[in-house]
Protein backbone atom coordinates (compact mmCIF):
# COMPACT_ATOMS: atom_id res chain seq x y z
CA MET A 1 -23.67 -87.15 -62.68
CA ARG A 2 -21.93 -83.60 -63.13
CA GLU A 3 -18.85 -85.43 -61.51
CA MET A 4 -19.06 -88.56 -63.40
CA ILE A 5 -19.27 -86.79 -66.42
CA GLU A 6 -16.19 -84.97 -65.78
CA HIS A 7 -14.26 -87.54 -64.71
CA HIS A 8 -14.94 -90.83 -66.17
CA ALA A 9 -14.24 -91.16 -69.59
CA SER A 10 -16.04 -94.58 -69.66
CA SER A 11 -18.94 -93.25 -68.38
CA ARG A 12 -18.88 -90.01 -70.83
CA ASN A 13 -18.78 -92.34 -73.52
CA ILE A 14 -21.55 -94.22 -72.46
CA LEU A 15 -23.76 -91.44 -71.68
CA GLN A 16 -22.67 -89.83 -75.17
CA ASP A 17 -23.98 -93.14 -76.90
CA LEU A 18 -27.16 -92.95 -74.61
CA LEU A 19 -28.23 -89.22 -75.56
CA LYS A 20 -26.91 -88.83 -78.59
CA ASP A 21 -27.62 -85.32 -79.92
CA GLN A 22 -29.02 -84.52 -76.61
CA TYR A 23 -25.94 -85.24 -75.22
CA ILE A 24 -24.89 -81.14 -74.89
CA PRO A 25 -27.96 -79.95 -73.60
CA PHE A 26 -28.06 -82.79 -71.05
CA GLU A 27 -24.38 -82.15 -69.84
CA GLN A 28 -24.39 -78.13 -70.15
CA ILE A 29 -27.81 -78.01 -67.83
CA ILE A 30 -26.49 -80.79 -65.58
CA ARG A 31 -23.55 -78.49 -64.90
CA PHE A 32 -25.68 -74.99 -64.73
CA LEU A 33 -27.46 -76.51 -61.75
CA ARG A 34 -24.61 -78.59 -60.39
CA ASN A 35 -23.10 -75.22 -59.72
CA VAL A 36 -26.20 -73.44 -58.94
CA LEU A 37 -27.66 -75.96 -56.31
CA THR A 38 -23.82 -76.46 -54.93
CA HIS A 39 -23.81 -72.72 -54.35
CA THR A 40 -27.06 -71.33 -53.29
CA SER A 41 -27.45 -69.69 -49.95
CA THR A 42 -31.21 -68.60 -50.43
CA SER A 43 -34.64 -70.23 -50.04
CA ARG A 44 -35.93 -69.09 -53.44
CA ILE A 45 -32.27 -70.83 -55.14
CA ALA A 46 -31.71 -67.15 -56.42
CA ILE A 47 -28.39 -67.45 -58.95
CA GLN A 48 -25.14 -65.79 -58.02
CA GLU A 49 -23.10 -64.59 -61.12
CA GLU A 50 -20.00 -66.74 -59.96
CA ASP A 51 -22.30 -69.59 -60.53
CA PHE A 52 -22.53 -69.29 -64.42
CA GLN A 53 -20.74 -66.65 -65.67
CA LYS A 54 -17.73 -69.07 -66.68
CA GLN A 55 -20.24 -71.52 -68.77
CA LYS A 56 -21.90 -68.43 -70.09
CA GLU A 57 -18.83 -67.19 -71.50
CA PHE A 58 -17.79 -70.89 -72.81
CA LEU A 59 -21.60 -71.42 -74.66
CA LEU A 60 -21.45 -68.10 -76.61
CA SER A 61 -18.04 -68.21 -77.92
CA LYS A 62 -19.38 -71.68 -79.06
CA HIS A 63 -22.85 -69.55 -80.69
CA ILE A 64 -25.42 -71.15 -78.35
CA LYS A 65 -27.63 -68.97 -77.26
CA ASN A 66 -30.00 -71.81 -75.91
CA LEU A 67 -29.82 -74.92 -74.11
CA HIS A 68 -32.97 -76.88 -75.36
CA LEU A 69 -32.79 -80.60 -73.85
CA ASN A 70 -36.07 -82.53 -75.10
CA PHE A 71 -35.63 -86.14 -74.61
CA ILE A 72 -38.38 -88.13 -75.51
CA TYR A 73 -37.91 -91.67 -74.19
CA SER A 74 -39.02 -93.55 -76.30
CA SER A 75 -36.78 -92.29 -79.33
CA TYR A 76 -33.79 -92.83 -77.19
CA ILE A 77 -34.63 -95.82 -75.22
CA PRO A 78 -36.78 -98.41 -77.24
CA GLN A 79 -36.86 -101.01 -73.95
CA ARG A 80 -38.93 -98.69 -72.22
CA LYS A 81 -42.64 -99.60 -71.88
CA GLY A 82 -45.65 -96.87 -71.38
CA ASN A 83 -46.50 -93.41 -73.15
CA LYS A 84 -44.34 -92.72 -76.30
CA ASP A 85 -44.55 -88.93 -75.57
CA TYR A 86 -43.32 -89.24 -72.12
CA ALA A 87 -40.19 -86.60 -72.13
CA CYS A 88 -37.77 -84.20 -70.20
CA GLN A 89 -38.02 -80.99 -71.45
CA ILE A 90 -36.26 -77.51 -70.15
CA GLN A 91 -35.53 -74.88 -72.40
CA LEU A 92 -32.40 -72.74 -70.82
CA GLU A 93 -32.13 -68.84 -72.61
CA ILE A 94 -28.60 -68.34 -71.89
CA SER A 95 -29.22 -64.42 -71.85
CA ALA A 96 -31.90 -65.35 -69.31
CA ILE A 97 -29.43 -66.48 -66.97
CA GLN A 98 -28.75 -63.52 -64.66
CA PRO A 99 -27.72 -62.65 -61.04
CA HIS A 100 -30.17 -63.21 -58.48
CA VAL A 101 -33.14 -64.35 -60.68
CA SER A 102 -34.64 -67.95 -58.96
CA LEU A 103 -33.53 -71.06 -60.35
CA PHE A 104 -37.39 -71.16 -60.41
CA ASP A 105 -37.98 -68.73 -63.02
CA LEU A 106 -35.52 -70.25 -65.49
CA ILE A 107 -36.33 -74.38 -64.94
CA SER A 108 -39.69 -75.42 -63.64
CA LEU A 109 -39.49 -77.40 -60.43
CA HIS A 110 -41.50 -80.14 -62.25
CA GLN A 111 -38.80 -80.55 -64.96
CA MET A 112 -35.82 -80.57 -62.69
CA TYR A 113 -37.58 -83.70 -60.76
CA LEU A 114 -37.59 -85.51 -64.44
CA LEU A 115 -34.41 -84.53 -64.90
CA THR A 116 -33.16 -86.26 -61.52
CA GLU A 117 -35.64 -88.94 -63.07
CA LEU A 118 -33.84 -89.42 -66.25
CA CYS A 119 -30.53 -89.21 -64.31
CA TYR A 120 -31.40 -92.01 -62.62
CA ASN A 121 -33.19 -94.15 -65.84
CA VAL A 122 -29.72 -93.47 -67.49
CA SER A 123 -27.56 -94.30 -64.51
CA LEU A 124 -29.47 -97.85 -64.58
CA LEU A 125 -28.34 -98.23 -67.77
CA MET A 126 -25.07 -97.47 -67.71
CA THR A 127 -24.73 -99.48 -65.62
CA GLN A 128 -26.25 -102.36 -67.83
CA ARG A 129 -23.80 -101.34 -70.18
CA ILE A 130 -20.90 -101.88 -67.69
CA LYS A 131 -21.60 -105.07 -66.55
CA LYS A 132 -22.90 -106.39 -69.80
CA VAL A 133 -26.26 -107.28 -68.79
CA PRO A 134 -29.14 -107.99 -70.77
CA SER A 135 -31.25 -105.02 -70.68
CA SER A 136 -34.65 -107.27 -69.89
CA LYS A 137 -33.42 -108.21 -66.73
CA LYS A 138 -34.97 -106.62 -63.96
CA GLN A 139 -32.61 -104.00 -61.70
CA LYS A 140 -32.46 -103.52 -58.36
CA SER A 141 -32.96 -101.28 -56.52
CA PRO A 142 -29.29 -99.69 -54.84
CA LEU A 143 -31.63 -99.00 -52.05
CA PRO A 144 -31.31 -101.64 -48.77
CA PRO A 145 -35.08 -103.45 -48.02
CA THR A 146 -36.71 -101.08 -45.89
CA THR A 147 -37.01 -102.96 -42.28
CA LYS A 148 -40.00 -101.19 -40.96
CA LYS A 149 -43.74 -101.79 -41.92
CA CYS A 150 -46.36 -98.83 -42.87
CA LYS A 151 -49.44 -98.92 -40.90
């Protein structure tokens, strides 16, 4: 997701349109997580200073002290069915990001799963927009069908 945001302007524009006011916190949290998860060397996913220092300086220079992703699906994706309160909610206080702190002390594993699901869901919507597929069509899984049957 981070590489797509960084290198594909058309995809970034679609994502900005889909996420609206949630784009900046989404994009910044994705950047942070990508840096930490890519460079981690501990099972507790301890944050290293080089994973966040430049981003922290950038955010503080813009007077951003907190990233609050509050993506309530029903507010942004009207075609979504189900619980109207279903959301991905991540609060990341910039000053709390310190070296050697575990990522799990900052963002719960559950919310990271919900963010992964959000990335998947918006990627499907982006694909629909790029291909101009009507949203009423059911998306096929990008994974090949399984060949083994469960017993």
